[in-house]
Amino acid sequence: MNKKKYTVEEFSNVVDGIYKGDVDKKEKLLDMIEPLIISSIKRYYYGDELMEDMIQEGKIRVLECLDTFDSEKGVYFLGYVKAQLRYLYLNLNKAKEFEISLNSTLDLGDGSVELIDSLIDETVDVEGDLIKKYINKNLKDTLDILTDRESQVIYLYYFKNIGMKDIAKELGLAYRTVVNTKTNGLEKMRKSWKVS
């Protein structure tokens, strides 16, 4: 770490050099600003990350400042960087505060449970829903091999949940005709699925 003290003018000369295209001055700038980065970490960051990692975060922010700094706002580059480092480390603290382990326990009064267990929705049946969707798709595809009447009866019975008597009334057919139509249609479907 560089312990030499620099003046605002020295910082300005290095920054001006960078803006004029002298890429080597970026390394010089990071070396000059490292003490400011470290003091910002000590002042504003209270997390448990390694110091070297936090220094690297600060250096990245300083390099970003080169792109976002606007000299027309009447602020020195160094003052701008100082404010940005402060915001960086304070925001890293905020992010740290909201980290919660899914294995942390919740006290529910009548016992405790891990957070992950409280996120499980017992009412969701992914497997059952997938099987039902598969069966419905196959059922709809198979309806194509049926006569219009067989298809209509099976559709009303299985998809619309209409009883056999109501289907007979709706279609103007005898109850026995509806039963036979449904039976014949199901037999065709069974054969097309090769289910015995």
C-alpha atoms as a PDB file:
ATOM      1  CA  MET A   1       0.000   0.000   0.000  1.00  0.00           C
ATOM      2  CA  ASN A   2       1.203   3.476  -0.850  1.00  0.00           C
ATOM      3  CA  LYS A   3       1.582   5.711   2.222  1.00  0.00           C
ATOM      4  CA  LYS A   4       2.608   8.872   0.363  1.00  0.00           C
ATOM      5  CA  LYS A   5       0.204  11.823   0.630  1.00  0.00           C
ATOM      6  CA  TYR A   6      -0.918  13.353  -2.641  1.00  0.00           C
ATOM      7  CA  THR A   7      -2.321  16.777  -3.363  1.00  0.00           C
ATOM      8  CA  VAL A   8      -5.579  17.437  -5.181  1.00  0.00           C
ATOM      9  CA  GLU A   9      -3.481  18.824  -8.036  1.00  0.00           C
ATOM     10  CA  GLU A  10      -1.526  15.560  -8.334  1.00  0.00           C
ATOM     11  CA  PHE A  11      -4.795  13.606  -8.479  1.00  0.00           C
ATOM     12  CA  SER A  12      -6.123  16.015 -11.094  1.00  0.00           C
ATOM     13  CA  ASN A  13      -3.006  15.600 -13.258  1.00  0.00           C
ATOM     14  CA  VAL A  14      -3.325  11.815 -13.186  1.00  0.00           C
ATOM     15  CA  VAL A  15      -7.054  11.955 -13.983  1.00  0.00           C
ATOM     16  CA  ASP A  16      -6.450  14.448 -16.818  1.00  0.00           C
ATOM     17  CA  GLY A  17      -3.807  12.071 -18.206  1.00  0.00           C
ATOM     18  CA  ILE A  18      -6.304   9.211 -18.155  1.00  0.00           C
ATOM     19  CA  TYR A  19      -8.910  11.294 -19.996  1.00  0.00           C
ATOM     20  CA  LYS A  20      -6.248  12.176 -22.596  1.00  0.00           C
ATOM     21  CA  GLY A  21      -5.700   8.461 -23.270  1.00  0.00           C
ATOM     22  CA  ASP A  22      -2.768   7.534 -20.998  1.00  0.00           C
ATOM     23  CA  VAL A  23      -4.023   4.128 -19.841  1.00  0.00           C
ATOM     24  CA  ASP A  24      -0.952   3.555 -17.628  1.00  0.00           C
ATOM     25  CA  LYS A  25      -2.157   6.365 -15.380  1.00  0.00           C
ATOM     26  CA  LYS A  26      -5.152   4.218 -14.315  1.00  0.00           C
ATOM     27  CA  GLU A  27      -2.811   1.996 -12.348  1.00  0.00           C
ATOM     28  CA  LYS A  28      -1.180   5.070 -10.821  1.00  0.00           C
ATOM     29  CA  LEU A  29      -4.610   6.448  -9.877  1.00  0.00           C
ATOM     30  CA  LEU A  30      -5.625   3.176  -8.179  1.00  0.00           C
ATOM     31  CA  ASP A  31      -2.329   3.160  -6.269  1.00  0.00           C
ATOM     32  CA  MET A  32      -2.880   6.767  -5.168  1.00  0.00           C
ATOM     33  CA  ILE A  33      -6.494   6.140  -4.086  1.00  0.00           C
ATOM     34  CA  GLU A  34      -5.941   2.865  -2.231  1.00  0.00           C
ATOM     35  CA  PRO A  35      -5.537   4.567   1.191  1.00  0.00           C
ATOM     36  CA  LEU A  36      -8.869   6.342   0.624  1.00  0.00           C
ATOM     37  CA  ILE A  37     -10.472   3.004  -0.277  1.00  0.00           C
ATOM     38  CA  ILE A  38      -9.149   1.376   2.896  1.00  0.00           C
ATOM     39  CA  SER A  39     -10.274   4.235   5.122  1.00  0.00           C
ATOM     40  CA  SER A  40     -13.721   4.130   3.468  1.00  0.00           C
ATOM     41  CA  ILE A  41     -13.978   0.400   4.178  1.00  0.00           C
ATOM     42  CA  LYS A  42     -13.030   0.928   7.819  1.00  0.00           C
ATOM     43  CA  ARG A  43     -15.458   3.798   8.197  1.00  0.00           C
ATOM     44  CA  TYR A  44     -18.520   2.545   6.286  1.00  0.00           C
ATOM     45  CA  TYR A  45     -18.368  -1.241   5.966  1.00  0.00           C
ATOM     46  CA  TYR A  46     -18.939  -3.570   8.877  1.00  0.00           C
ATOM     47  CA  GLY A  47     -19.437  -6.863   7.048  1.00  0.00           C
ATOM     48  CA  ASP A  48     -17.227  -9.901   7.255  1.00  0.00           C
ATOM     49  CA  GLU A  49     -15.853  -9.960   3.710  1.00  0.00           C
ATOM     50  CA  LEU A  50     -12.092 -10.113   3.290  1.00  0.00           C
ATOM     51  CA  MET A  51     -10.374  -6.730   3.198  1.00  0.00           C
ATOM     52  CA  GLU A  52      -8.707  -7.566  -0.117  1.00  0.00           C
ATOM     53  CA  ASP A  53     -12.100  -8.300  -1.693  1.00  0.00           C
ATOM     54  CA  MET A  54     -13.488  -5.011  -0.447  1.00  0.00           C
ATOM     55  CA  ILE A  55     -10.425  -3.149  -1.783  1.00  0.00           C
ATOM     56  CA  GLN A  56     -11.041  -4.706  -5.192  1.00  0.00           C
ATOM     57  CA  GLU A  57     -14.699  -3.619  -5.050  1.00  0.00           C
ATOM     58  CA  GLY A  58     -13.478  -0.094  -4.304  1.00  0.00           C
ATOM     59  CA  LYS A  59     -11.008  -0.112  -7.193  1.00  0.00           C
ATOM     60  CA  ILE A  60     -13.731  -1.230  -9.561  1.00  0.00           C
ATOM     61  CA  ARG A  61     -15.904   1.634  -8.344  1.00  0.00           C
ATOM     62  CA  VAL A  62     -13.036   4.119  -8.871  1.00  0.00           C
ATOM     63  CA  LEU A  63     -12.646   2.912 -12.470  1.00  0.00           C
ATOM     64  CA  GLU A  64     -16.411   3.272 -12.978  1.00  0.00           C
ATOM     65  CA  CYS A  65     -16.141   6.823 -11.641  1.00  0.00           C
ATOM     66  CA  LEU A  66     -13.857   7.666 -14.568  1.00  0.00           C
ATOM     67  CA  ASP A  67     -16.841   7.029 -16.867  1.00  0.00           C
ATOM     68  CA  THR A  68     -19.522   8.670 -14.735  1.00  0.00           C
ATOM     69  CA  PHE A  69     -17.676  11.748 -13.463  1.00  0.00           C
ATOM     70  CA  ASP A  70     -18.917  15.073 -14.835  1.00  0.00           C
ATOM     71  CA  SER A  71     -16.415  17.907 -14.263  1.00  0.00           C
ATOM     72  CA  GLU A  72     -19.043  20.480 -15.203  1.00  0.00           C
ATOM     73  CA  LYS A  73     -20.911  19.852 -11.950  1.00  0.00           C
ATOM     74  CA  GLY A  74     -18.268  21.801 -10.029  1.00  0.00           C
ATOM     75  CA  VAL A  75     -16.967  18.887  -7.958  1.00  0.00           C
ATOM     76  CA  TYR A  76     -13.393  17.637  -7.794  1.00  0.00           C
ATOM     77  CA  PHE A  77     -12.851  14.099  -9.031  1.00  0.00           C
ATOM     78  CA  LEU A  78     -11.484  13.076  -5.644  1.00  0.00           C
ATOM     79  CA  GLY A  79     -14.606  14.358  -3.859  1.00  0.00           C
ATOM     80  CA  TYR A  80     -16.797  12.458  -6.306  1.00  0.00           C
ATOM     81  CA  VAL A  81     -14.820   9.245  -5.746  1.00  0.00           C
ATOM     82  CA  LYS A  82     -15.002   9.691  -1.981  1.00  0.00           C
ATOM     83  CA  ALA A  83     -18.813   9.959  -2.118  1.00  0.00           C
ATOM     84  CA  GLN A  84     -19.085   6.963  -4.460  1.00  0.00           C
ATOM     85  CA  LEU A  85     -16.951   4.813  -2.158  1.00  0.00           C
ATOM     86  CA  ARG A  86     -19.111   5.814   0.787  1.00  0.00           C
ATOM     87  CA  TYR A  87     -22.288   4.808  -1.100  1.00  0.00           C
ATOM     88  CA  LEU A  88     -20.670   1.562  -2.252  1.00  0.00           C
ATOM     89  CA  TYR A  89     -19.765   0.336   1.213  1.00  0.00           C
ATOM     90  CA  LEU A  90     -22.969   1.532   2.869  1.00  0.00           C
ATOM     91  CA  ASN A  91     -25.010  -0.256   0.184  1.00  0.00           C
ATOM     92  CA  LEU A  92     -22.978  -3.427   0.637  1.00  0.00           C
ATOM     93  CA  ASN A  93     -23.991  -3.295   4.312  1.00  0.00           C
ATOM     94  CA  LYS A  94     -27.656  -2.998   3.344  1.00  0.00           C
ATOM     95  CA  ALA A  95     -27.379  -5.962   1.009  1.00  0.00           C
ATOM     96  CA  LYS A  96     -25.764  -7.953   3.823  1.00  0.00           C
ATOM     97  CA  GLU A  97     -28.630  -7.149   6.213  1.00  0.00           C
ATOM     98  CA  PHE A  98     -31.168  -8.823   3.942  1.00  0.00           C
ATOM     99  CA  GLU A  99     -29.288 -12.078   3.443  1.00  0.00           C
ATOM    100  CA  ILE A 100     -31.206 -14.848   5.183  1.00  0.00           C
ATOM    101  CA  SER A 101     -30.360 -18.509   5.176  1.00  0.00           C
ATOM    102  CA  LEU A 102     -33.128 -20.854   4.130  1.00  0.00           C
ATOM    103  CA  ASN A 103     -32.000 -23.039   7.026  1.00  0.00           C
ATOM    104  CA  SER A 104     -32.627 -20.347   9.652  1.00  0.00           C
ATOM    105  CA  THR A 105     -35.411 -21.251  12.064  1.00  0.00           C
ATOM    106  CA  LEU A 106     -38.689 -19.448  12.513  1.00  0.00           C
ATOM    107  CA  ASP A 107     -40.383 -19.449  15.899  1.00  0.00           C
ATOM    108  CA  LEU A 108     -44.071 -20.113  15.287  1.00  0.00           C
ATOM    109  CA  GLY A 109     -45.139 -20.032  18.928  1.00  0.00           C
ATOM    110  CA  ASP A 110     -46.091 -23.718  18.990  1.00  0.00           C
ATOM    111  CA  GLY A 111     -42.669 -24.803  17.761  1.00  0.00           C
ATOM    112  CA  SER A 112     -40.040 -23.800  15.301  1.00  0.00           C
ATOM    113  CA  VAL A 113     -39.537 -24.680  11.676  1.00  0.00           C
ATOM    114  CA  GLU A 114     -36.794 -24.011   9.147  1.00  0.00           C
ATOM    115  CA  LEU A 115     -37.598 -21.254   6.664  1.00  0.00           C
ATOM    116  CA  ILE A 116     -37.240 -23.655   3.714  1.00  0.00           C
ATOM    117  CA  ASP A 117     -39.958 -25.894   5.171  1.00  0.00           C
ATOM    118  CA  SER A 118     -42.363 -22.978   5.469  1.00  0.00           C
ATOM    119  CA  LEU A 119     -42.004 -22.243   1.749  1.00  0.00           C
ATOM    120  CA  ILE A 120     -43.344 -25.625   0.654  1.00  0.00           C
ATOM    121  CA  ASP A 121     -46.934 -25.474  -0.557  1.00  0.00           C
ATOM    122  CA  GLU A 122     -48.607 -28.760   0.327  1.00  0.00           C
ATOM    123  CA  THR A 123     -51.566 -27.987  -1.954  1.00  0.00           C
ATOM    124  CA  VAL A 124     -49.457 -28.096  -5.117  1.00  0.00           C
ATOM    125  CA  ASP A 125     -49.268 -31.497  -6.796  1.00  0.00           C
ATOM    126  CA  VAL A 126     -46.789 -31.051  -9.620  1.00  0.00           C
ATOM    127  CA  GLU A 127     -46.719 -34.742 -10.527  1.00  0.00           C
ATOM    128  CA  GLY A 128     -50.491 -35.082 -10.432  1.00  0.00           C
ATOM    129  CA  ASP A 129     -50.981 -31.930 -12.495  1.00  0.00           C
ATOM    130  CA  LEU A 130     -48.457 -33.164 -15.065  1.00  0.00           C
ATOM    131  CA  ILE A 131     -50.139 -36.568 -15.335  1.00  0.00           C
ATOM    132  CA  LYS A 132     -53.579 -34.952 -15.631  1.00  0.00           C
ATOM    133  CA  LYS A 133     -52.281 -32.621 -18.348  1.00  0.00           C
ATOM    134  CA  TYR A 134     -50.743 -35.574 -20.233  1.00  0.00           C
ATOM    135  CA  ILE A 135     -53.948 -37.594 -20.009  1.00  0.00           C
ATOM    136  CA  ASN A 136     -56.087 -34.646 -21.120  1.00  0.00           C
ATOM    137  CA  LYS A 137     -53.811 -34.006 -24.101  1.00  0.00           C
ATOM    138  CA  ASN A 138     -53.930 -37.667 -25.121  1.00  0.00           C
ATOM    139  CA  LEU A 139     -57.674 -37.700 -24.600  1.00  0.00           C
ATOM    140  CA  LYS A 140     -58.146 -34.664 -26.835  1.00  0.00           C
ATOM    141  CA  ASP A 141     -55.839 -36.127 -29.505  1.00  0.00           C
ATOM    142  CA  THR A 142     -57.748 -39.414 -29.395  1.00  0.00           C
ATOM    143  CA  LEU A 143     -61.120 -37.701 -29.790  1.00  0.00           C
ATOM    144  CA  ASP A 144     -60.181 -37.255 -33.461  1.00  0.00           C
ATOM    145  CA  ILE A 145     -60.679 -41.004 -34.154  1.00  0.00           C
ATOM    146  CA  LEU A 146     -64.220 -40.950 -32.786  1.00  0.00           C
ATOM    147  CA  THR A 147     -67.429 -40.119 -34.608  1.00  0.00           C
ATOM    148  CA  ASP A 148     -68.779 -36.641 -33.986  1.00  0.00           C
ATOM    149  CA  ARG A 149     -71.444 -37.976 -31.614  1.00  0.00           C
ATOM    150  CA  GLU A 150     -68.952 -40.160 -29.643  1.00  0.00           C
ATOM    151  CA  SER A 151     -66.570 -37.242 -29.395  1.00  0.00           C
ATOM    152  CA  GLN A 152     -69.357 -34.929 -28.258  1.00  0.00           C
ATOM    153  CA  VAL A 153     -70.618 -37.305 -25.562  1.00  0.00           C
ATOM    154  CA  ILE A 154     -67.150 -38.048 -24.179  1.00  0.00           C
ATOM    155  CA  TYR A 155     -66.217 -34.360 -24.255  1.00  0.00           C
ATOM    156  CA  LEU A 156     -69.357 -33.343 -22.369  1.00  0.00           C
ATOM    157  CA  TYR A 157     -68.986 -36.168 -19.851  1.00  0.00           C
ATOM    158  CA  TYR A 158     -65.238 -35.931 -19.076  1.00  0.00           C
ATOM    159  CA  PHE A 159     -64.314 -32.331 -19.847  1.00  0.00           C
ATOM    160  CA  LYS A 160     -67.507 -30.497 -18.954  1.00  0.00           C
ATOM    161  CA  ASN A 161     -68.495 -32.882 -16.120  1.00  0.00           C
ATOM    162  CA  ILE A 162     -72.072 -33.165 -17.337  1.00  0.00           C
ATOM    163  CA  GLY A 163     -74.017 -36.254 -16.217  1.00  0.00           C
ATOM    164  CA  MET A 164     -75.345 -38.849 -18.661  1.00  0.00           C
ATOM    165  CA  LYS A 165     -79.010 -37.855 -18.147  1.00  0.00           C
ATOM    166  CA  ASP A 166     -78.202 -34.182 -18.804  1.00  0.00           C
ATOM    167  CA  ILE A 167     -76.213 -35.088 -21.928  1.00  0.00           C
ATOM    168  CA  ALA A 168     -79.183 -37.106 -23.184  1.00  0.00           C
ATOM    169  CA  LYS A 169     -81.484 -34.107 -22.621  1.00  0.00           C
ATOM    170  CA  GLU A 170     -79.035 -31.640 -24.200  1.00  0.00           C
ATOM    171  CA  LEU A 171     -78.526 -33.780 -27.327  1.00  0.00           C
ATOM    172  CA  GLY A 172     -82.151 -34.951 -27.553  1.00  0.00           C
ATOM    173  CA  LEU A 173     -81.145 -38.612 -27.319  1.00  0.00           C
ATOM    174  CA  ALA A 174     -82.317 -41.544 -25.261  1.00  0.00           C
ATOM    175  CA  TYR A 175     -80.323 -42.195 -22.097  1.00  0.00           C
ATOM    176  CA  ARG A 176     -79.386 -45.710 -23.317  1.00  0.00           C
ATOM    177  CA  THR A 177     -78.106 -44.264 -26.626  1.00  0.00           C
ATOM    178  CA  VAL A 178     -75.817 -41.882 -24.748  1.00  0.00           C
ATOM    179  CA  VAL A 179     -74.482 -44.744 -22.575  1.00  0.00           C
ATOM    180  CA  ASN A 180     -73.814 -46.934 -25.638  1.00  0.00           C
ATOM    181  CA  THR A 181     -72.204 -44.034 -27.537  1.00  0.00           C
ATOM    182  CA  LYS A 182     -69.887 -43.329 -24.605  1.00  0.00           C
ATOM    183  CA  THR A 183     -69.018 -47.047 -24.247  1.00  0.00           C
ATOM    184  CA  ASN A 184     -68.245 -47.426 -27.966  1.00  0.00           C
ATOM    185  CA  GLY A 185     -66.134 -44.266 -27.978  1.00  0.00           C
ATOM    186  CA  LEU A 186     -64.144 -45.384 -24.927  1.00  0.00           C
ATOM    187  CA  GLU A 187     -63.532 -48.785 -26.530  1.00  0.00           C
ATOM    188  CA  LYS A 188     -62.115 -47.107 -29.658  1.00  0.00           C
ATOM    189  CA  MET A 189     -59.925 -44.923 -27.501  1.00  0.00           C
ATOM    190  CA  ARG A 190     -58.724 -47.898 -25.452  1.00  0.00           C
ATOM    191  CA  LYS A 191     -57.725 -49.723 -28.621  1.00  0.00           C
ATOM    192  CA  SER A 192     -55.887 -46.661 -29.965  1.00  0.00           C
ATOM    193  CA  TRP A 193     -53.912 -46.426 -26.703  1.00  0.00           C
ATOM    194  CA  LYS A 194     -53.295 -50.197 -26.802  1.00  0.00           C
ATOM    195  CA  VAL A 195     -54.568 -50.500 -23.227  1.00  0.00           C
ATOM    196  CA  SER A 196     -56.303 -53.740 -22.356  1.00  0.00           C
END
